[in-house]
Amino acid sequence: MATTTALPLWIGTYPAPGQDAGSGEGVWRVDVAPDGTFGVPTLAAASSAPSFLALHPGGHTLYAVGETAEGTVSAFRVDGESLGQPVTISSGGDSPCHLLALDDVLWVANYGDGVAAAVPLTVRTGAPAAGAVTYAAPEGTGAHAHFCAVVGDDVVVADLGLDAVRRYPAHPAAGAAAPEPVVAARLAPGSGPRHLVVLEDGSLVVAGELDSRLHVLAPGDAGWAPSSSTPAAATPGEVGPYPSHVTLTGDLLLVGVRGAEVLAAHRVTRHVGGRATVEHLADVDLGAGAWPRHHEVVGRADDGRLLVVLALQGTAELVSVLVDPVSGAGEVAARLPFATPPACVLPAREPAGESTP
């Protein structure tokens, strides 16, 4: 469906280069039009290193990590285009970098020490409740939890440091003892799994930050096993390239690739044996020094092209890109400079029902 009105976005940011956390960054609100042009951004809340954001399914509460060694998560009540005073809690670990908000639990991936934390939520409001469950990483050291996703009744965690995908029950009882961690998939040493998407058949496509490849993992009885892989982008990079966030719209898979400074488009297909594969289509040039950290497909333009908004950490700007869903070819539509580097793009939505406790 084509986008007919401007779309509101929440934007998470990093401190300016060389500055300490809390030196001016925050959560911003900005609109993007169907043609990719941006409105005037407004600072909704000052917050320390809110590099990743998530919305409760009810839409009443927005969560922001505080990506510092004393990791925190802040929960803001959403009031139209404004955010209320936050309730700030521990992330359960060091340097949280990703959030997954379910009705009754908020999952937090802590990059610094690999801890995955499950924070219970009040279902109606999304407010944090007592009794978080923290899951220490397996094998003791070197873990870097980077991303959480729901797969069936479980949550999987991409662990860049262990070259593994970990699995936990999606809805643990508040305050329950953490079970032993389960490694549900192992990737090749040095692959560095960062973010992933889940395909319709239960396969995973995992972006390898360190080996610059997209890995397809096929489901099995005990988890997933590597099935195939392909380079994340055709464009070489002077540094890297390092894939970052990956999204799936229909059978079109998009991945931001730092160093190569492109948004790479791939098609998910199937061979005769039924195994999913990923085939590269095109790279969209984002400009020198872009360093695309995160992106979201936020709608469609009037001509049917996908409207994608990217957070460019390197050049401290948002950029909109229009992508042909058939060929994967695309072009930059607009750019919006930011005072501090944007790190996360989150489409806003109207809250569902009342949130009064």
Protein backbone atom coordinates (compact mmCIF):
# COMPACT_ATOMS: atom_id res chain seq x y z
CA MET A 1 0.00 0.00 0.00
CA ALA A 2 1.35 3.41 -0.93
CA THR A 3 2.16 5.88 1.82
CA THR A 4 -0.20 8.85 1.46
CA THR A 5 0.67 10.96 4.50
CA ALA A 6 3.82 11.86 6.36
CA LEU A 7 5.09 9.12 8.65
CA PRO A 8 6.29 9.97 12.16
CA LEU A 9 9.56 8.42 13.33
CA TRP A 10 11.41 8.15 16.63
CA ILE A 11 15.18 8.47 16.23
CA GLY A 12 17.79 7.24 18.71
CA THR A 13 21.22 8.88 18.74
CA TYR A 14 24.80 8.59 19.95
CA PRO A 15 26.93 11.28 21.61
CA ALA A 16 28.95 13.43 19.25
CA PRO A 17 32.36 11.91 18.43
CA GLY A 18 34.78 12.43 21.29
CA GLN A 19 32.04 13.37 23.75
CA ASP A 20 30.90 11.44 26.81
CA ALA A 21 27.44 9.93 27.01
CA GLY A 22 24.89 12.50 28.19
CA SER A 23 26.52 15.41 26.36
CA GLY A 24 23.55 16.37 24.18
CA GLU A 25 22.19 13.25 22.51
CA GLY A 26 18.60 12.08 22.96
CA VAL A 27 15.45 10.66 21.40
CA TRP A 28 14.14 12.71 18.48
CA ARG A 29 10.85 12.89 16.59
CA VAL A 30 10.71 13.62 12.86
CA ASP A 31 8.28 13.09 9.98
CA VAL A 32 9.14 11.66 6.57
CA ALA A 33 6.89 12.27 3.55
CA PRO A 34 6.05 9.66 0.86
CA ASP A 35 8.64 11.19 -1.47
CA GLY A 36 11.32 10.81 1.21
CA THR A 37 11.58 14.46 2.29
CA PHE A 38 11.93 15.09 6.01
CA GLY A 39 10.18 17.51 8.33
CA VAL A 40 11.86 19.51 11.08
CA PRO A 41 13.19 17.23 13.84
CA THR A 42 12.37 17.95 17.48
CA LEU A 43 14.13 16.65 20.59
CA ALA A 44 11.52 14.60 22.48
CA ALA A 45 13.76 13.65 25.42
CA ALA A 46 17.38 14.07 26.43
CA SER A 47 18.80 10.64 27.19
CA SER A 48 22.24 9.10 27.62
CA ALA A 49 23.36 7.18 24.51
CA PRO A 50 19.89 5.98 23.40
CA SER A 51 21.35 3.98 20.52
CA PHE A 52 18.41 1.58 20.20
CA LEU A 53 14.68 2.12 20.69
CA ALA A 54 11.60 -0.11 20.89
CA LEU A 55 7.86 0.44 21.34
CA HIS A 56 5.60 -1.64 23.52
CA PRO A 57 2.98 -3.41 21.31
CA GLY A 58 0.29 -1.23 22.91
CA GLY A 59 2.14 1.89 21.78
CA HIS A 60 1.98 3.65 25.16
CA THR A 61 5.62 3.16 26.18
CA LEU A 62 8.86 3.77 24.31
CA TYR A 63 12.06 2.12 25.54
CA ALA A 64 15.61 3.37 25.01
CA VAL A 65 18.86 1.69 25.94
CA GLY A 66 21.61 3.66 27.63
CA GLU A 67 24.61 2.16 25.85
CA THR A 68 27.17 2.67 28.60
CA ALA A 69 29.17 0.33 30.82
CA GLU A 70 26.58 0.84 33.59
CA GLY A 71 23.88 -0.24 31.14
CA THR A 72 20.37 1.15 31.56
CA VAL A 73 16.98 1.02 29.91
CA SER A 74 14.62 4.00 30.10
CA ALA A 75 10.85 3.63 29.68
CA PHE A 76 9.04 6.77 28.45
CA ARG A 77 5.28 7.24 28.40
CA VAL A 78 4.27 8.28 24.87
CA ASP A 79 2.05 11.37 24.84
CA GLY A 80 1.41 12.22 21.20
CA GLU A 81 4.64 13.66 19.83
CA SER A 82 6.11 14.05 23.33
CA LEU A 83 7.69 11.70 25.84
CA GLY A 84 7.07 11.81 29.58
CA GLN A 85 9.64 11.54 32.34
CA PRO A 86 11.39 8.17 32.11
CA VAL A 87 11.52 5.27 34.51
CA THR A 88 15.12 4.11 34.26
CA ILE A 89 16.27 0.64 35.31
CA SER A 90 19.40 -1.48 34.96
CA SER A 91 19.79 -3.31 31.67
CA GLY A 92 21.19 -6.27 33.58
CA GLY A 93 24.57 -5.99 31.89
CA ASP A 94 27.20 -3.87 30.15
CA SER A 95 26.52 -1.67 27.10
CA PRO A 96 23.01 -2.67 26.00
CA CYS A 97 22.59 -2.33 22.23
CA HIS A 98 19.27 -3.94 21.27
CA LEU A 99 15.71 -4.26 22.60
CA LEU A 100 12.78 -6.53 21.79
CA ALA A 101 9.43 -5.49 23.29
CA LEU A 102 6.73 -8.14 23.74
CA ASP A 103 3.40 -7.69 25.56
CA ASP A 104 4.72 -8.92 28.91
CA VAL A 105 8.50 -8.82 28.68
CA LEU A 106 11.27 -6.57 27.37
CA TRP A 107 14.35 -8.39 26.12
CA VAL A 108 17.70 -6.58 26.32
CA ALA A 109 20.90 -7.60 24.55
CA ASN A 110 23.98 -6.37 26.43
CA TYR A 111 26.93 -6.22 24.10
CA GLY A 112 29.68 -5.61 26.64
CA ASP A 113 29.33 -8.81 28.68
CA GLY A 114 26.93 -10.89 26.57
CA VAL A 115 24.09 -10.88 29.11
CA ALA A 116 20.55 -11.21 27.76
CA ALA A 117 18.00 -9.82 30.22
CA ALA A 118 14.23 -10.36 30.30
CA VAL A 119 12.44 -7.49 32.09
CA PRO A 120 8.80 -8.19 33.01
CA LEU A 121 6.28 -5.59 31.85
CA THR A 122 2.79 -4.59 32.87
CA VAL A 123 0.81 -5.82 29.87
CA ARG A 124 -1.65 -2.92 29.65
CA THR A 125 0.83 -0.07 30.03
CA GLY A 126 4.21 -1.57 29.19
CA ALA A 127 5.68 -0.22 32.43
CA PRO A 128 8.67 -2.18 33.80
CA ALA A 129 7.86 -4.46 36.73
CA ALA A 130 10.05 -6.17 39.32
CA GLY A 131 11.69 -9.55 38.85
CA ALA A 132 13.98 -9.37 35.81
CA VAL A 133 15.66 -12.59 34.67
CA THR A 134 19.24 -12.27 33.42
CA TYR A 135 20.87 -14.89 31.25
CA ALA A 136 24.63 -15.01 31.43
CA ALA A 137 26.38 -15.99 28.23
CA PRO A 138 27.66 -19.55 27.81
CA GLU A 139 31.31 -20.49 27.83
CA GLY A 140 32.31 -17.77 30.25
CA THR A 141 34.09 -15.09 28.25
CA GLY A 142 34.10 -13.35 24.91
CA ALA A 143 30.32 -13.14 24.49
CA HIS A 144 28.70 -10.10 22.86
CA ALA A 145 24.91 -10.29 22.71
CA HIS A 146 23.85 -8.09 19.79
CA PHE A 147 20.25 -8.78 18.75
CA CYS A 148 17.05 -10.50 19.95
CA ALA A 149 14.20 -11.91 17.84
CA VAL A 150 11.12 -14.04 18.43
CA VAL A 151 11.02 -17.48 16.81
CA GLY A 152 7.91 -19.42 17.82
CA ASP A 153 7.81 -19.72 21.61
CA ASP A 154 11.47 -18.74 21.96
CA VAL A 155 13.71 -15.73 21.74
CA VAL A 156 16.98 -16.10 19.88
CA VAL A 157 20.01 -13.95 20.60
CA ALA A 158 22.73 -13.31 18.02
CA ASP A 159 26.08 -13.48 19.84
CA LEU A 160 28.83 -11.79 17.86
CA GLY A 161 31.62 -12.85 20.21
CA LEU A 162 30.75 -16.56 20.33
CA ASP A 163 29.81 -16.88 16.63
CA ALA A 164 26.56 -18.41 17.82
CA VAL A 165 22.81 -17.99 18.11
CA ARG A 166 21.50 -18.57 21.64
CA ARG A 167 17.91 -19.55 22.49
CA TYR A 168 15.72 -18.89 25.55
CA PRO A 169 12.01 -19.16 26.43
CA ALA A 170 10.32 -15.97 25.23
CA HIS A 171 8.17 -15.49 28.35
CA PRO A 172 10.10 -16.50 31.48
CA ALA A 173 8.35 -16.22 34.83
CA ALA A 174 9.30 -13.01 36.65
CA GLY A 175 12.10 -13.65 39.12
CA ALA A 176 12.64 -17.24 37.95
CA ALA A 177 16.10 -18.72 38.06
CA ALA A 178 17.79 -18.51 34.67
CA PRO A 179 18.13 -21.90 32.98
CA GLU A 180 21.35 -23.02 31.40
CA PRO A 181 21.97 -21.19 28.12
CA VAL A 182 21.27 -23.15 24.95
CA VAL A 183 23.36 -22.64 21.83
CA ALA A 184 20.90 -23.26 19.00
CA ALA A 185 23.29 -22.57 16.12
CA ARG A 186 27.01 -22.18 15.55
CA LEU A 187 28.47 -20.20 12.70
CA ALA A 188 31.99 -20.32 11.30
CA PRO A 189 34.67 -18.84 13.58
CA GLY A 190 35.16 -15.16 12.88
CA SER A 191 31.75 -14.64 11.27
CA GLY A 192 30.49 -12.29 14.01
CA PRO A 193 26.69 -12.70 13.85
CA ARG A 194 25.13 -9.29 14.42
CA HIS A 195 21.47 -8.98 13.33
CA LEU A 196 19.09 -11.48 11.74
CA VAL A 197 15.68 -12.01 10.13
CA VAL A 198 13.38 -15.04 10.35
CA LEU A 199 12.06 -16.49 7.09
CA GLU A 200 8.61 -17.98 6.60
CA ASP A 201 9.93 -21.55 6.71
CA GLY A 202 11.75 -20.94 10.01
CA SER A 203 15.18 -20.40 8.46
CA LEU A 204 17.35 -17.57 9.74
CA VAL A 205 19.35 -15.10 7.68
CA VAL A 206 22.16 -13.78 9.86
CA ALA A 207 24.37 -10.80 9.00
CA GLY A 208 27.99 -11.66 9.77
CA GLU A 209 29.56 -8.37 10.83
CA LEU A 210 33.13 -9.68 10.76
CA ASP A 211 33.13 -11.88 7.64
CA SER A 212 30.86 -9.56 5.60
CA ARG A 213 28.46 -12.34 4.62
CA LEU A 214 24.78 -13.18 4.92
CA HIS A 215 24.41 -16.68 6.39
CA VAL A 216 21.31 -18.79 5.81
CA LEU A 217 20.67 -21.20 8.70
CA ALA A 218 18.24 -24.06 8.04
CA PRO A 219 15.99 -25.29 10.87
CA GLY A 220 16.47 -28.75 12.35
CA ASP A 221 15.40 -30.77 15.35
CA ALA A 222 17.80 -29.14 17.80
CA GLY A 223 18.18 -25.68 16.30
CA TRP A 224 19.67 -24.37 13.05
CA ALA A 225 22.61 -25.38 10.88
CA PRO A 226 24.48 -23.32 8.27
CA SER A 227 23.05 -23.96 4.83
CA SER A 228 24.54 -21.31 2.51
CA SER A 229 26.05 -17.84 2.54
CA THR A 230 26.69 -14.96 0.19
CA PRO A 231 28.64 -11.67 0.36
CA ALA A 232 26.61 -8.94 2.03
CA ALA A 233 27.40 -6.45 -0.76
CA ALA A 234 29.09 -6.36 -4.14
CA THR A 235 30.67 -2.97 -3.43
CA PRO A 236 34.13 -3.23 -1.83
CA GLY A 237 34.98 -1.06 1.15
CA GLU A 238 38.19 0.65 2.13
CA VAL A 239 37.43 -0.48 5.69
CA GLY A 240 35.39 -3.60 6.25
CA PRO A 241 32.80 -3.94 4.84
CA TYR A 242 30.76 -4.53 7.98
CA PRO A 243 27.07 -5.46 7.64
CA SER A 244 24.79 -3.93 10.25
CA HIS A 245 20.97 -4.15 10.32
CA VAL A 246 18.97 -6.45 8.05
CA THR A 247 15.25 -6.27 7.16
CA LEU A 248 12.87 -8.43 5.12
CA THR A 249 9.94 -7.09 3.09
CA GLY A 250 8.23 -9.86 1.14
CA ASP A 251 11.16 -11.69 -0.44
CA LEU A 252 13.38 -8.59 -0.61
CA LEU A 253 16.12 -8.53 1.99
CA LEU A 254 17.94 -5.25 2.69
CA VAL A 255 21.15 -4.85 4.67
CA GLY A 256 23.12 -1.74 5.55
CA VAL A 257 26.83 -2.28 4.92
CA ARG A 258 29.33 0.00 6.63
CA GLY A 259 32.66 0.56 4.92
CA ALA A 260 31.09 -0.23 1.56
CA GLU A 261 28.62 2.59 2.47
CA VAL A 262 25.66 1.00 0.71
CA LEU A 263 22.20 -0.37 1.28
CA ALA A 264 22.47 -3.80 -0.33
CA ALA A 265 19.38 -5.50 -1.78
CA HIS A 266 19.04 -9.30 -1.99
CA ARG A 267 16.31 -11.69 -3.07
CA VAL A 268 15.33 -14.68 -0.91
CA THR A 269 14.74 -17.64 -3.22
CA ARG A 270 14.49 -21.43 -3.03
CA HIS A 271 16.33 -24.20 -4.81
CA VAL A 272 14.73 -27.45 -5.93
CA GLY A 273 15.50 -29.07 -2.58
CA GLY A 274 13.45 -26.42 -0.79
CA ARG A 275 16.36 -24.72 0.99
CA ALA A 276 16.24 -20.95 1.18
CA THR A 277 19.07 -19.02 -0.47
CA VAL A 278 19.94 -15.33 -0.76
CA GLU A 279 20.94 -13.78 -4.09
CA HIS A 280 22.40 -10.29 -4.44
CA LEU A 281 20.50 -7.81 -6.62
CA ALA A 282 21.97 -4.32 -6.25
CA ASP A 283 23.81 -1.87 -3.99
CA VAL A 284 22.47 1.64 -3.32
CA ASP A 285 25.31 4.13 -2.80
CA LEU A 286 24.83 6.14 0.42
CA GLY A 287 27.85 8.42 0.04
CA ALA A 288 31.38 8.52 1.44
CA GLY A 289 31.69 8.01 5.19
CA ALA A 290 28.01 7.10 5.64
CA TRP A 291 28.46 4.17 8.07
CA PRO A 292 24.80 2.99 7.96
CA ARG A 293 24.10 1.67 11.43
CA HIS A 294 20.35 1.01 11.26
CA HIS A 295 17.41 1.29 8.87
CA GLU A 296 13.71 0.58 8.54
CA VAL A 297 11.35 0.14 5.62
CA VAL A 298 8.68 2.66 6.61
CA GLY A 299 6.26 2.50 3.65
CA ARG A 300 5.90 2.81 -0.10
CA ALA A 301 6.15 5.85 -2.32
CA ASP A 302 3.38 6.67 -4.79
CA ASP A 303 5.25 4.87 -7.57
CA GLY A 304 5.41 1.60 -5.57
CA ARG A 305 9.03 1.85 -4.53
CA LEU A 306 9.92 1.04 -0.92
CA LEU A 307 10.64 4.02 1.30
CA VAL A 308 13.63 3.21 3.51
CA VAL A 309 15.06 5.52 6.18
CA LEU A 310 18.64 4.95 7.35
CA ALA A 311 20.59 6.25 10.34
CA LEU A 312 24.04 7.20 9.06
CA GLN A 313 26.34 7.25 12.06
CA GLY A 314 29.43 8.34 10.15
CA THR A 315 28.00 11.47 8.53
CA ALA A 316 25.52 12.24 11.35
CA GLU A 317 22.43 12.35 9.17
CA LEU A 318 19.23 10.57 8.31
CA VAL A 319 18.82 9.58 4.70
CA SER A 320 15.76 8.35 2.82
CA VAL A 321 16.15 5.88 -0.04
CA LEU A 322 13.59 4.74 -2.62
CA VAL A 323 14.12 1.10 -3.63
CA ASP A 324 12.51 -0.82 -6.49
CA PRO A 325 11.19 -4.02 -4.84
CA VAL A 326 11.72 -6.00 -8.06
CA SER A 327 15.21 -5.00 -9.17
CA GLY A 328 16.58 -3.83 -5.82
CA ALA A 329 17.92 -0.68 -7.49
CA GLY A 330 17.48 2.52 -5.54
CA GLU A 331 18.46 6.12 -5.05
CA VAL A 332 18.84 8.59 -2.21
CA ALA A 333 15.79 10.85 -2.00
CA ALA A 334 16.71 13.22 0.84
CA ARG A 335 19.20 13.87 3.62
CA LEU A 336 18.71 15.42 7.06
CA PRO A 337 21.73 16.48 9.16
CA PHE A 338 21.61 15.74 12.91
CA ALA A 339 23.42 17.42 15.79
CA THR A 340 24.60 14.04 17.07
CA PRO A 341 24.93 10.79 15.10
CA PRO A 342 21.61 8.97 14.58
CA ALA A 343 21.73 5.30 15.49
CA CYS A 344 18.19 3.89 15.29
CA VAL A 345 15.03 4.46 13.22
CA LEU A 346 11.70 3.48 14.79
CA PRO A 347 8.32 4.11 13.11
CA ALA A 348 5.86 5.67 15.55
CA ARG A 349 2.27 4.49 15.86
CA GLU A 350 -0.88 5.51 17.67
CA PRO A 351 -1.35 3.87 21.09
CA ALA A 352 -4.08 1.22 21.28
CA GLY A 353 -6.72 1.92 23.94
CA GLU A 354 -6.21 3.46 27.36
CA SER A 355 -2.97 3.11 29.30
CA THR A 356 -4.18 4.37 32.68
CA PRO A 357 -3.32 1.75 35.33
